Amino acid sequence: MAFYELRQYKVRPGKMDEWVDFMEKEIVPFQVSKGMVITGLYRGEEDDSIYVWTRRFEDETQRAQLYEAVYESDYWINDVSPRVDTLLDRSAIKVIRLLPTPKSTAQ
């Protein structure tokens, strides 16, 4: 069964514009090139430390395969991950798995 992953991050003070640029120019294109389906990218309207994005997976098997392809790649380990640490508070990352309801347009 398809599901979504909602990821919420706490961006370090003064780093939101840099984070959005990094996501849109590097992280998202890389993940899409590996097969990820990115369904939304959002920043907080009133809280400039909040960044949320969503991804869609067909099932747990696909999620595991895509996680491996992205997060175990040399590019992610050597280039992306070290930069993420300078822009986000990793201890505040929240990941929520969501299932669309029967009437949802996200089916």
PDB file of N, CA and C in Angstrom:
ATOM      1  N   MET A   1       0.839  -1.188   0.000  1.00  0.00           N
ATOM      2  CA  MET A   1       0.000   0.000   0.000  1.00  0.00           C
ATOM      3  C   MET A   1       0.883   1.249   0.000  1.00  0.00           C
ATOM      4  N   ALA A   2       0.573   2.182  -0.872  1.00  0.00           N
ATOM      5  CA  ALA A   2       1.341   3.421  -0.957  1.00  0.00           C
ATOM      6  C   ALA A   2       1.178   4.239   0.322  1.00  0.00           C
ATOM      7  N   PHE A   3       2.244   4.952   0.677  1.00  0.00           N
ATOM      8  CA  PHE A   3       2.204   5.835   1.834  1.00  0.00           C
ATOM      9  C   PHE A   3       3.094   7.039   1.580  1.00  0.00           C
ATOM     10  N   TYR A   4       2.901   8.029   2.425  1.00  0.00           N
ATOM     11  CA  TYR A   4       3.690   9.255   2.351  1.00  0.00           C
ATOM     12  C   TYR A   4       4.560   9.361   3.588  1.00  0.00           C
ATOM     13  N   GLU A   5       5.624  10.089   3.433  1.00  0.00           N
ATOM     14  CA  GLU A   5       6.518  10.381   4.551  1.00  0.00           C
ATOM     15  C   GLU A   5       6.575  11.900   4.674  1.00  0.00           C
ATOM     16  N   LEU A   6       6.167  12.410   5.819  1.00  0.00           N
ATOM     17  CA  LEU A   6       6.262  13.831   6.112  1.00  0.00           C
ATOM     18  C   LEU A   6       7.490  14.023   6.984  1.00  0.00           C
ATOM     19  N   ARG A   7       8.396  14.869   6.542  1.00  0.00           N
ATOM     20  CA  ARG A   7       9.639  15.115   7.272  1.00  0.00           C
ATOM     21  C   ARG A   7       9.656  16.572   7.717  1.00  0.00           C
ATOM     22  N   GLN A   8       9.839  16.798   9.017  1.00  0.00           N
ATOM     23  CA  GLN A   8       9.897  18.158   9.553  1.00  0.00           C
ATOM     24  C   GLN A   8      11.274  18.399  10.146  1.00  0.00           C
ATOM     25  N   TYR A   9      11.873  19.503   9.743  1.00  0.00           N
ATOM     26  CA  TYR A   9      13.222  19.851  10.184  1.00  0.00           C
ATOM     27  C   TYR A   9      13.224  21.184  10.914  1.00  0.00           C
ATOM     28  N   LYS A  10      14.203  21.331  11.809  1.00  0.00           N
ATOM     29  CA  LYS A  10      14.461  22.621  12.455  1.00  0.00           C
ATOM     30  C   LYS A  10      15.739  23.176  11.833  1.00  0.00           C
ATOM     31  N   VAL A  11      15.587  24.261  11.098  1.00  0.00           N
ATOM     32  CA  VAL A  11      16.711  24.888  10.413  1.00  0.00           C
ATOM     33  C   VAL A  11      17.430  25.806  11.398  1.00  0.00           C
ATOM     34  N   ARG A  12      18.744  25.800  11.337  1.00  0.00           N
ATOM     35  CA  ARG A  12      19.541  26.645  12.233  1.00  0.00           C
ATOM     36  C   ARG A  12      19.240  28.125  11.957  1.00  0.00           C
ATOM     37  N   PRO A  13      19.350  28.963  12.993  1.00  0.00           N
ATOM     38  CA  PRO A  13      19.037  30.393  12.834  1.00  0.00           C
ATOM     39  C   PRO A  13      19.808  31.033  11.675  1.00  0.00           C
ATOM     40  N   GLY A  14      19.070  31.779  10.862  1.00  0.00           N
ATOM     41  CA  GLY A  14      19.666  32.503   9.750  1.00  0.00           C
ATOM     42  C   GLY A  14      20.046  31.653   8.552  1.00  0.00           C
ATOM     43  N   LYS A  15      19.692  30.369   8.557  1.00  0.00           N
ATOM     44  CA  LYS A  15      20.121  29.454   7.496  1.00  0.00           C
ATOM     45  C   LYS A  15      18.995  29.007   6.562  1.00  0.00           C
ATOM     46  N   MET A  16      17.774  29.521   6.729  1.00  0.00           N
ATOM     47  CA  MET A  16      16.650  29.020   5.934  1.00  0.00           C
ATOM     48  C   MET A  16      16.859  29.213   4.437  1.00  0.00           C
ATOM     49  N   ASP A  17      17.257  30.390   4.007  1.00  0.00           N
ATOM     50  CA  ASP A  17      17.421  30.611   2.568  1.00  0.00           C
ATOM     51  C   ASP A  17      18.485  29.684   1.997  1.00  0.00           C
ATOM     52  N   GLU A  18      19.567  29.497   2.736  1.00  0.00           N
ATOM     53  CA  GLU A  18      20.627  28.587   2.291  1.00  0.00           C
ATOM     54  C   GLU A  18      20.113  27.149   2.237  1.00  0.00           C
ATOM     55  N   TRP A  19      19.313  26.759   3.240  1.00  0.00           N
ATOM     56  CA  TRP A  19      18.752  25.407   3.265  1.00  0.00           C
ATOM     57  C   TRP A  19      17.819  25.175   2.077  1.00  0.00           C
ATOM     58  N   VAL A  20      16.912  26.122   1.811  1.00  0.00           N
ATOM     59  CA  VAL A  20      15.975  25.983   0.691  1.00  0.00           C
ATOM     60  C   VAL A  20      16.749  25.854  -0.619  1.00  0.00           C
ATOM     61  N   ASP A  21      17.761  26.669  -0.803  1.00  0.00           N
ATOM     62  CA  ASP A  21      18.585  26.609  -2.010  1.00  0.00           C
ATOM     63  C   ASP A  21      19.265  25.242  -2.138  1.00  0.00           C
ATOM     64  N   PHE A  22      19.814  24.744  -1.040  1.00  0.00           N
ATOM     65  CA  PHE A  22      20.481  23.440  -1.020  1.00  0.00           C
ATOM     66  C   PHE A  22      19.492  22.324  -1.358  1.00  0.00           C
ATOM     67  N   MET A  23      18.306  22.382  -0.755  1.00  0.00           N
ATOM     68  CA  MET A  23      17.278  21.374  -1.049  1.00  0.00           C
ATOM     69  C   MET A  23      16.897  21.401  -2.523  1.00  0.00           C
ATOM     70  N   GLU A  24      16.584  22.582  -3.027  1.00  0.00           N
ATOM     71  CA  GLU A  24      16.032  22.689  -4.377  1.00  0.00           C
ATOM     72  C   GLU A  24      17.063  22.470  -5.477  1.00  0.00           C
ATOM     73  N   LYS A  25      18.319  22.792  -5.209  1.00  0.00           N
ATOM     74  CA  LYS A  25      19.346  22.658  -6.249  1.00  0.00           C
ATOM     75  C   LYS A  25      20.160  21.374  -6.152  1.00  0.00           C
ATOM     76  N   GLU A  26      20.240  20.785  -4.954  1.00  0.00           N
ATOM     77  CA  GLU A  26      21.096  19.610  -4.797  1.00  0.00           C
ATOM     78  C   GLU A  26      20.371  18.382  -4.257  1.00  0.00           C
ATOM     79  N   ILE A  27      19.721  18.512  -3.113  1.00  0.00           N
ATOM     80  CA  ILE A  27      19.134  17.336  -2.468  1.00  0.00           C
ATOM     81  C   ILE A  27      17.980  16.758  -3.285  1.00  0.00           C
ATOM     82  N   VAL A  28      17.012  17.590  -3.646  1.00  0.00           N
ATOM     83  CA  VAL A  28      15.851  17.081  -4.386  1.00  0.00           C
ATOM     84  C   VAL A  28      16.262  16.503  -5.741  1.00  0.00           C
ATOM     85  N   PRO A  29      17.045  17.216  -6.557  1.00  0.00           N
ATOM     86  CA  PRO A  29      17.441  16.605  -7.834  1.00  0.00           C
ATOM     87  C   PRO A  29      18.184  15.279  -7.664  1.00  0.00           C
ATOM     88  N   PHE A  30      19.041  15.192  -6.652  1.00  0.00           N
ATOM     89  CA  PHE A  30      19.760  13.940  -6.416  1.00  0.00           C
ATOM     90  C   PHE A  30      18.791  12.826  -6.038  1.00  0.00           C
ATOM     91  N   GLN A  31      17.901  13.101  -5.097  1.00  0.00           N
ATOM     92  CA  GLN A  31      16.962  12.063  -4.669  1.00  0.00           C
ATOM     93  C   GLN A  31      16.035  11.646  -5.810  1.00  0.00           C
ATOM     94  N   VAL A  32      15.562  12.588  -6.591  1.00  0.00           N
ATOM     95  CA  VAL A  32      14.705  12.265  -7.737  1.00  0.00           C
ATOM     96  C   VAL A  32      15.475  11.401  -8.736  1.00  0.00           C
ATOM     97  N   SER A  33      16.760  11.692  -8.932  1.00  0.00           N
ATOM     98  CA  SER A  33      17.567  10.891  -9.865  1.00  0.00           C
ATOM     99  C   SER A  33      17.696   9.442  -9.411  1.00  0.00           C
ATOM    100  N   LYS A  34      17.519   9.206  -8.116  1.00  0.00           N
ATOM    101  CA  LYS A  34      17.578   7.846  -7.569  1.00  0.00           C
ATOM    102  C   LYS A  34      16.205   7.180  -7.528  1.00  0.00           C
ATOM    103  N   GLY A  35      15.143   7.925  -7.895  1.00  0.00           N
ATOM    104  CA  GLY A  35      13.807   7.347  -7.945  1.00  0.00           C
ATOM    105  C   GLY A  35      12.825   7.862  -6.907  1.00  0.00           C
ATOM    106  N   MET A  36      13.248   8.743  -6.015  1.00  0.00           N
ATOM    107  CA  MET A  36      12.337   9.291  -5.006  1.00  0.00           C
ATOM    108  C   MET A  36      11.247  10.111  -5.678  1.00  0.00           C
ATOM    109  N   VAL A  37      10.054  10.063  -5.101  1.00  0.00           N
ATOM    110  CA  VAL A  37       8.948  10.897  -5.555  1.00  0.00           C
ATOM    111  C   VAL A  37       8.714  11.951  -4.475  1.00  0.00           C
ATOM    112  N   ILE A  38       9.124  13.172  -4.758  1.00  0.00           N
ATOM    113  CA  ILE A  38       8.975  14.287  -3.823  1.00  0.00           C
ATOM    114  C   ILE A  38       7.639  14.958  -4.133  1.00  0.00           C
ATOM    115  N   THR A  39       6.775  15.073  -3.128  1.00  0.00           N
ATOM    116  CA  THR A  39       5.429  15.592  -3.369  1.00  0.00           C
ATOM    117  C   THR A  39       5.199  16.996  -2.830  1.00  0.00           C
ATOM    118  N   GLY A  40       6.114  17.525  -2.035  1.00  0.00           N
ATOM    119  CA  GLY A  40       5.931  18.886  -1.533  1.00  0.00           C
ATOM    120  C   GLY A  40       7.119  19.366  -0.732  1.00  0.00           C
ATOM    121  N   LEU A  41       7.389  20.669  -0.840  1.00  0.00           N
ATOM    122  CA  LEU A  41       8.464  21.332  -0.102  1.00  0.00           C
ATOM    123  C   LEU A  41       7.871  22.598   0.505  1.00  0.00           C
ATOM    124  N   TYR A  42       8.052  22.796   1.826  1.00  0.00           N
ATOM    125  CA  TYR A  42       7.397  23.901   2.510  1.00  0.00           C
ATOM    126  C   TYR A  42       8.320  24.513   3.562  1.00  0.00           C
ATOM    127  N   ARG A  43       8.165  25.812   3.756  1.00  0.00           N
ATOM    128  CA  ARG A  43       8.836  26.489   4.867  1.00  0.00           C
ATOM    129  C   ARG A  43       7.769  27.151   5.728  1.00  0.00           C
ATOM    130  N   GLY A  44       8.080  27.310   7.010  1.00  0.00           N
ATOM    131  CA  GLY A  44       7.115  27.918   7.913  1.00  0.00           C
ATOM    132  C   GLY A  44       6.815  29.355   7.528  1.00  0.00           C
ATOM    133  N   GLU A  45       5.547  29.725   7.586  1.00  0.00           N
ATOM    134  CA  GLU A  45       5.162  31.100   7.261  1.00  0.00           C
ATOM    135  C   GLU A  45       5.521  32.051   8.393  1.00  0.00           C
ATOM    136  N   GLU A  46       5.279  31.622   9.619  1.00  0.00           N
ATOM    137  CA  GLU A  46       5.536  32.482  10.768  1.00  0.00           C
ATOM    138  C   GLU A  46       6.765  32.064  11.561  1.00  0.00           C
ATOM    139  N   ASP A  47       7.206  30.846  11.406  1.00  0.00           N
ATOM    140  CA  ASP A  47       8.387  30.339  12.121  1.00  0.00           C
ATOM    141  C   ASP A  47       9.446  29.987  11.084  1.00  0.00           C
ATOM    142  N   ASP A  48      10.472  30.819  10.985  1.00  0.00           N
ATOM    143  CA  ASP A  48      11.494  30.642   9.951  1.00  0.00           C
ATOM    144  C   ASP A  48      12.455  29.496  10.255  1.00  0.00           C
ATOM    145  N   SER A  49      12.203  28.752  11.321  1.00  0.00           N
ATOM    146  CA  SER A  49      13.063  27.599  11.604  1.00  0.00           C
ATOM    147  C   SER A  49      12.425  26.288  11.132  1.00  0.00           C
ATOM    148  N   ILE A  50      11.172  26.339  10.674  1.00  0.00           N
ATOM    149  CA  ILE A  50      10.447  25.120  10.308  1.00  0.00           C
ATOM    150  C   ILE A  50      10.509  24.880   8.802  1.00  0.00           C
ATOM    151  N   TYR A  51      10.936  23.673   8.436  1.00  0.00           N
ATOM    152  CA  TYR A  51      10.941  23.238   7.041  1.00  0.00           C
ATOM    153  C   TYR A  51      10.301  21.853   7.002  1.00  0.00           C
ATOM    154  N   VAL A  52       9.357  21.665   6.085  1.00  0.00           N
ATOM    155  CA  VAL A  52       8.636  20.397   5.962  1.00  0.00           C
ATOM    156  C   VAL A  52       8.654  19.971   4.499  1.00  0.00           C
ATOM    157  N   TRP A  53       8.821  18.675   4.291  1.00  0.00           N
ATOM    158  CA  TRP A  53       8.685  18.153   2.930  1.00  0.00           C
ATOM    159  C   TRP A  53       8.077  16.774   2.979  1.00  0.00           C
ATOM    160  N   THR A  54       7.525  16.351   1.828  1.00  0.00           N
ATOM    161  CA  THR A  54       6.846  15.065   1.767  1.00  0.00           C
ATOM    162  C   THR A  54       7.341  14.255   0.577  1.00  0.00           C
ATOM    163  N   ARG A  55       7.345  12.944   0.789  1.00  0.00           N
ATOM    164  CA  ARG A  55       7.729  11.998  -0.259  1.00  0.00           C
ATOM    165  C   ARG A  55       6.702  10.869  -0.284  1.00  0.00           C
ATOM    166  N   ARG A  56       6.574  10.237  -1.451  1.00  0.00           N
ATOM    167  CA  ARG A  56       5.617   9.135  -1.617  1.00  0.00           C
ATOM    168  C   ARG A  56       6.372   7.857  -1.953  1.00  0.00           C
ATOM    169  N   PHE A  57       5.936   6.761  -1.344  1.00  0.00           N
ATOM    170  CA  PHE A  57       6.511   5.441  -1.604  1.00  0.00           C
ATOM    171  C   PHE A  57       5.385   4.470  -1.929  1.00  0.00           C
ATOM    172  N   GLU A  58       5.641   3.552  -2.838  1.00  0.00           N
ATOM    173  CA  GLU A  58       4.639   2.547  -3.201  1.00  0.00           C
ATOM    174  C   GLU A  58       4.439   1.526  -2.091  1.00  0.00           C
ATOM    175  N   ASP A  59       5.519   1.191  -1.388  1.00  0.00           N
ATOM    176  CA  ASP A  59       5.455   0.216  -0.298  1.00  0.00           C
ATOM    177  C   ASP A  59       6.767   0.266   0.481  1.00  0.00           C
ATOM    178  N   GLU A  60       6.841  -0.522   1.542  1.00  0.00           N
ATOM    179  CA  GLU A  60       8.028  -0.530   2.399  1.00  0.00           C
ATOM    180  C   GLU A  60       9.259  -1.027   1.657  1.00  0.00           C
ATOM    181  N   THR A  61       9.091  -1.977   0.761  1.00  0.00           N
ATOM    182  CA  THR A  61      10.228  -2.490  -0.012  1.00  0.00           C
ATOM    183  C   THR A  61      10.849  -1.378  -0.846  1.00  0.00           C
ATOM    184  N   GLN A  62      10.014  -0.608  -1.519  1.00  0.00           N
ATOM    185  CA  GLN A  62      10.531   0.503  -2.322  1.00  0.00           C
ATOM    186  C   GLN A  62      11.223   1.534  -1.430  1.00  0.00           C
ATOM    187  N   ARG A  63      10.611   1.860  -0.292  1.00  0.00           N
ATOM    188  CA  ARG A  63      11.215   2.835   0.617  1.00  0.00           C
ATOM    189  C   ARG A  63      12.609   2.387   1.034  1.00  0.00           C
ATOM    190  N   ALA A  64      12.748   1.127   1.417  1.00  0.00           N
ATOM    191  CA  ALA A  64      14.049   0.605   1.849  1.00  0.00           C
ATOM    192  C   ALA A  64      15.071   0.671   0.717  1.00  0.00           C
ATOM    193  N   GLN A  65      14.658   0.330  -0.493  1.00  0.00           N
ATOM    194  CA  GLN A  65      15.570   0.381  -1.642  1.00  0.00           C
ATOM    195  C   GLN A  65      16.015   1.810  -1.930  1.00  0.00           C
ATOM    196  N   LEU A  66      15.088   2.750  -1.881  1.00  0.00           N
ATOM    197  CA  LEU A  66      15.429   4.142  -2.159  1.00  0.00           C
ATOM    198  C   LEU A  66      16.275   4.746  -1.049  1.00  0.00           C
ATOM    199  N   TYR A  67      15.977   4.412   0.200  1.00  0.00           N
ATOM    200  CA  TYR A  67      16.818   4.883   1.304  1.00  0.00           C
ATOM    201  C   TYR A  67      18.257   4.423   1.096  1.00  0.00           C
ATOM    202  N   GLU A  68      18.426   3.159   0.740  1.00  0.00           N
ATOM    203  CA  GLU A  68      19.773   2.633   0.514  1.00  0.00           C
ATOM    204  C   GLU A  68      20.454   3.356  -0.645  1.00  0.00           C
ATOM    205  N   ALA A  69      19.741   3.526  -1.744  1.00  0.00           N
ATOM    206  CA  ALA A  69      20.317   4.183  -2.925  1.00  0.00           C
ATOM    207  C   ALA A  69      20.749   5.613  -2.623  1.00  0.00           C
ATOM    208  N   VAL A  70      19.996   6.305  -1.794  1.00  0.00           N
ATOM    209  CA  VAL A  70      20.310   7.701  -1.471  1.00  0.00           C
ATOM    210  C   VAL A  70      21.300   7.798  -0.319  1.00  0.00           C
ATOM    211  N   TYR A  71      20.926   7.276   0.833  1.00  0.00           N
ATOM    212  CA  TYR A  71      21.668   7.552   2.062  1.00  0.00           C
ATOM    213  C   TYR A  71      22.948   6.746   2.219  1.00  0.00           C
ATOM    214  N   GLU A  72      23.123   5.694   1.428  1.00  0.00           N
ATOM    215  CA  GLU A  72      24.368   4.931   1.487  1.00  0.00           C
ATOM    216  C   GLU A  72      25.285   5.238   0.308  1.00  0.00           C
ATOM    217  N   SER A  73      24.909   6.213  -0.509  1.00  0.00           N
ATOM    218  CA  SER A  73      25.750   6.593  -1.653  1.00  0.00           C
ATOM    219  C   SER A  73      26.952   7.408  -1.176  1.00  0.00           C
ATOM    220  N   ASP A  74      28.038   7.309  -1.902  1.00  0.00           N
ATOM    221  CA  ASP A  74      29.232   8.095  -1.577  1.00  0.00           C
ATOM    222  C   ASP A  74      28.926   9.586  -1.611  1.00  0.00           C
ATOM    223  N   TYR A  75      28.142  10.009  -2.593  1.00  0.00           N
ATOM    224  CA  TYR A  75      27.808  11.433  -2.706  1.00  0.00           C
ATOM    225  C   TYR A  75      27.096  11.921  -1.451  1.00  0.00           C
ATOM    226  N   TRP A  76      26.112  11.149  -0.962  1.00  0.00           N
ATOM    227  CA  TRP A  76      25.382  11.575   0.231  1.00  0.00           C
ATOM    228  C   TRP A  76      26.311  11.601   1.443  1.00  0.00           C
ATOM    229  N   ILE A  77      27.062  10.547   1.627  1.00  0.00           N
ATOM    230  CA  ILE A  77      27.930  10.429   2.804  1.00  0.00           C
ATOM    231  C   ILE A  77      29.012  11.501   2.819  1.00  0.00           C
ATOM    232  N   ASN A  78      29.633  11.738   1.675  1.00  0.00           N
ATOM    233  CA  ASN A  78      30.793  12.635   1.632  1.00  0.00           C
ATOM    234  C   ASN A  78      30.465  14.094   1.362  1.00  0.00           C
ATOM    235  N   ASP A  79      29.382  14.366   0.634  1.00  0.00           N
ATOM    236  CA  ASP A  79      29.087  15.741   0.237  1.00  0.00           C
ATOM    237  C   ASP A  79      27.835  16.323   0.888  1.00  0.00           C
ATOM    238  N   VAL A  80      26.759  15.567   0.887  1.00  0.00           N
ATOM    239  CA  VAL A  80      25.494  16.107   1.376  1.00  0.00           C
ATOM    240  C   VAL A  80      25.428  16.112   2.900  1.00  0.00           C
ATOM    241  N   SER A  81      25.663  14.981   3.517  1.00  0.00           N
ATOM    242  CA  SER A  81      25.494  14.858   4.966  1.00  0.00           C
ATOM    243  C   SER A  81      26.308  15.879   5.768  1.00  0.00           C
ATOM    244  N   PRO A  82      27.581  16.105   5.439  1.00  0.00           N
ATOM    245  CA  PRO A  82      28.333  17.106   6.203  1.00  0.00           C
ATOM    246  C   PRO A  82      27.725  18.511   6.107  1.00  0.00           C
ATOM    247  N   ARG A  83      27.168  18.857   4.955  1.00  0.00           N
ATOM    248  CA  ARG A  83      26.535  20.176   4.802  1.00  0.00           C
ATOM    249  C   ARG A  83      25.227  20.260   5.556  1.00  0.00           C
ATOM    250  N   VAL A  84      24.480  19.159   5.579  1.00  0.00           N
ATOM    251  CA  VAL A  84      23.216  19.141   6.319  1.00  0.00           C
ATOM    252  C   VAL A  84      23.473  19.504   7.778  1.00  0.00           C
ATOM    253  N   ASP A  85      24.537  18.976   8.343  1.00  0.00           N
ATOM    254  CA  ASP A  85      24.860  19.244   9.749  1.00  0.00           C
ATOM    255  C   ASP A  85      25.061  20.727  10.035  1.00  0.00           C
ATOM    256  N   THR A  86      25.513  21.492   9.051  1.00  0.00           N
ATOM    257  CA  THR A  86      25.736  22.927   9.266  1.00  0.00           C
ATOM    258  C   THR A  86      24.448  23.735   9.142  1.00  0.00           C
ATOM    259  N   LEU A  87      23.406  23.137   8.580  1.00  0.00           N
ATOM    260  CA  LEU A  87      22.171  23.866   8.299  1.00  0.00           C
ATOM    261  C   LEU A  87      20.982  23.453   9.160  1.00  0.00           C
ATOM    262  N   LEU A  88      20.986  22.216   9.656  1.00  0.00           N
ATOM    263  CA  LEU A  88      19.853  21.690  10.428  1.00  0.00           C
ATOM    264  C   LEU A  88      20.272  21.232  11.811  1.00  0.00           C
ATOM    265  N   ASP A  89      19.312  21.235  12.726  1.00  0.00           N
ATOM    266  CA  ASP A  89      19.467  20.583  14.023  1.00  0.00           C
ATOM    267  C   ASP A  89      18.934  19.160  13.851  1.00  0.00           C
ATOM    268  N   ARG A  90      19.832  18.210  13.613  1.00  0.00           N
ATOM    269  CA  ARG A  90      19.404  16.823  13.347  1.00  0.00           C
ATOM    270  C   ARG A  90      18.630  16.212  14.510  1.00  0.00           C
ATOM    271  N   SER A  91      18.902  16.658  15.733  1.00  0.00           N
ATOM    272  CA  SER A  91      18.212  16.079  16.891  1.00  0.00           C
ATOM    273  C   SER A  91      16.721  16.424  16.897  1.00  0.00           C
ATOM    274  N   ALA A  92      16.320  17.409  16.097  1.00  0.00           N
ATOM    275  CA  ALA A  92      14.917  17.836  16.067  1.00  0.00           C
ATOM    276  C   ALA A  92      14.155  17.290  14.860  1.00  0.00           C
ATOM    277  N   ILE A  93      14.774  16.418  14.070  1.00  0.00           N
ATOM    278  CA  ILE A  93      14.101  15.874  12.890  1.00  0.00           C
ATOM    279  C   ILE A  93      12.929  14.988  13.317  1.00  0.00           C
ATOM    280  N   LYS A  94      11.781  15.208  12.667  1.00  0.00           N
ATOM    281  CA  LYS A  94      10.594  14.382  12.900  1.00  0.00           C
ATOM    282  C   LYS A  94      10.185  13.763  11.570  1.00  0.00           C
ATOM    283  N   VAL A  95       9.912  12.475  11.588  1.00  0.00           N
ATOM    284  CA  VAL A  95       9.454  11.769  10.396  1.00  0.00           C
ATOM    285  C   VAL A  95       8.143  11.073  10.743  1.00  0.00           C
ATOM    286  N   ILE A  96       7.110  11.379   9.962  1.00  0.00           N
ATOM    287  CA  ILE A  96       5.788  10.804  10.188  1.00  0.00           C
ATOM    288  C   ILE A  96       5.346  10.102   8.910  1.00  0.00           C
ATOM    289  N   ARG A  97       4.947   8.850   9.039  1.00  0.00           N
ATOM    290  CA  ARG A  97       4.403   8.110   7.891  1.00  0.00           C
ATOM    291  C   ARG A  97       2.900   8.318   7.864  1.00  0.00           C
ATOM    292  N   LEU A  98       2.385   8.611   6.668  1.00  0.00           N
ATOM    293  CA  LEU A  98       0.973   8.934   6.496  1.00  0.00           C
ATOM    294  C   LEU A  98       0.340   8.040   5.438  1.00  0.00           C
ATOM    295  N   LEU A  99      -0.882   7.606   5.702  1.00  0.00           N
ATOM    296  CA  LEU A  99      -1.668   6.842   4.731  1.00  0.00           C
ATOM    297  C   LEU A  99      -2.817   7.719   4.254  1.00  0.00           C
ATOM    298  N   PRO A 100      -3.014   7.832   2.935  1.00  0.00           N
ATOM    299  CA  PRO A 100      -4.144   8.621   2.455  1.00  0.00           C
ATOM    300  C   PRO A 100      -5.466   7.930   2.800  1.00  0.00           C
ATOM    301  N   THR A 101      -6.451   8.719   3.143  1.00  0.00           N
ATOM    302  CA  THR A 101      -7.780   8.181   3.415  1.00  0.00           C
ATOM    303  C   THR A 101      -8.473   7.851   2.089  1.00  0.00           C
ATOM    304  N   PRO A 102      -9.552   7.072   2.128  1.00  0.00           N
ATOM    305  CA  PRO A 102     -10.204   6.652   0.880  1.00  0.00           C
ATOM    306  C   PRO A 102     -10.618   7.804  -0.047  1.00  0.00           C
ATOM    307  N   LYS A 103     -10.996   8.940   0.489  1.00  0.00           N
ATOM    308  CA  LYS A 103     -11.448  10.067  -0.339  1.00  0.00           C
ATOM    309  C   LYS A 103     -10.324  11.063  -0.646  1.00  0.00           C
ATOM    310  N   SER A 104      -9.128  10.791  -0.195  1.00  0.00           N
ATOM    311  CA  SER A 104      -8.008  11.710  -0.406  1.00  0.00           C
ATOM    312  C   SER A 104      -7.629  11.801  -1.879  1.00  0.00           C
ATOM    313  N   THR A 105      -7.295  12.993  -2.318  1.00  0.00           N
ATOM    314  CA  THR A 105      -6.804  13.172  -3.689  1.00  0.00           C
ATOM    315  C   THR A 105      -5.387  12.628  -3.834  1.00  0.00           C
ATOM    316  N   ALA A 106      -4.771  12.263  -2.734  1.00  0.00           N
ATOM    317  CA  ALA A 106      -3.402  11.737  -2.753  1.00  0.00           C
ATOM    318  C   ALA A 106      -3.356  10.228  -2.964  1.00  0.00           C
ATOM    319  N   GLN A 107      -4.477   9.622  -3.279  1.00  0.00           N
ATOM    320  CA  GLN A 107      -4.527   8.167  -3.492  1.00  0.00           C
ATOM    321  C   GLN A 107      -3.617   7.740  -4.610  1.00  0.00           C
TER     322      GLN A 107
END
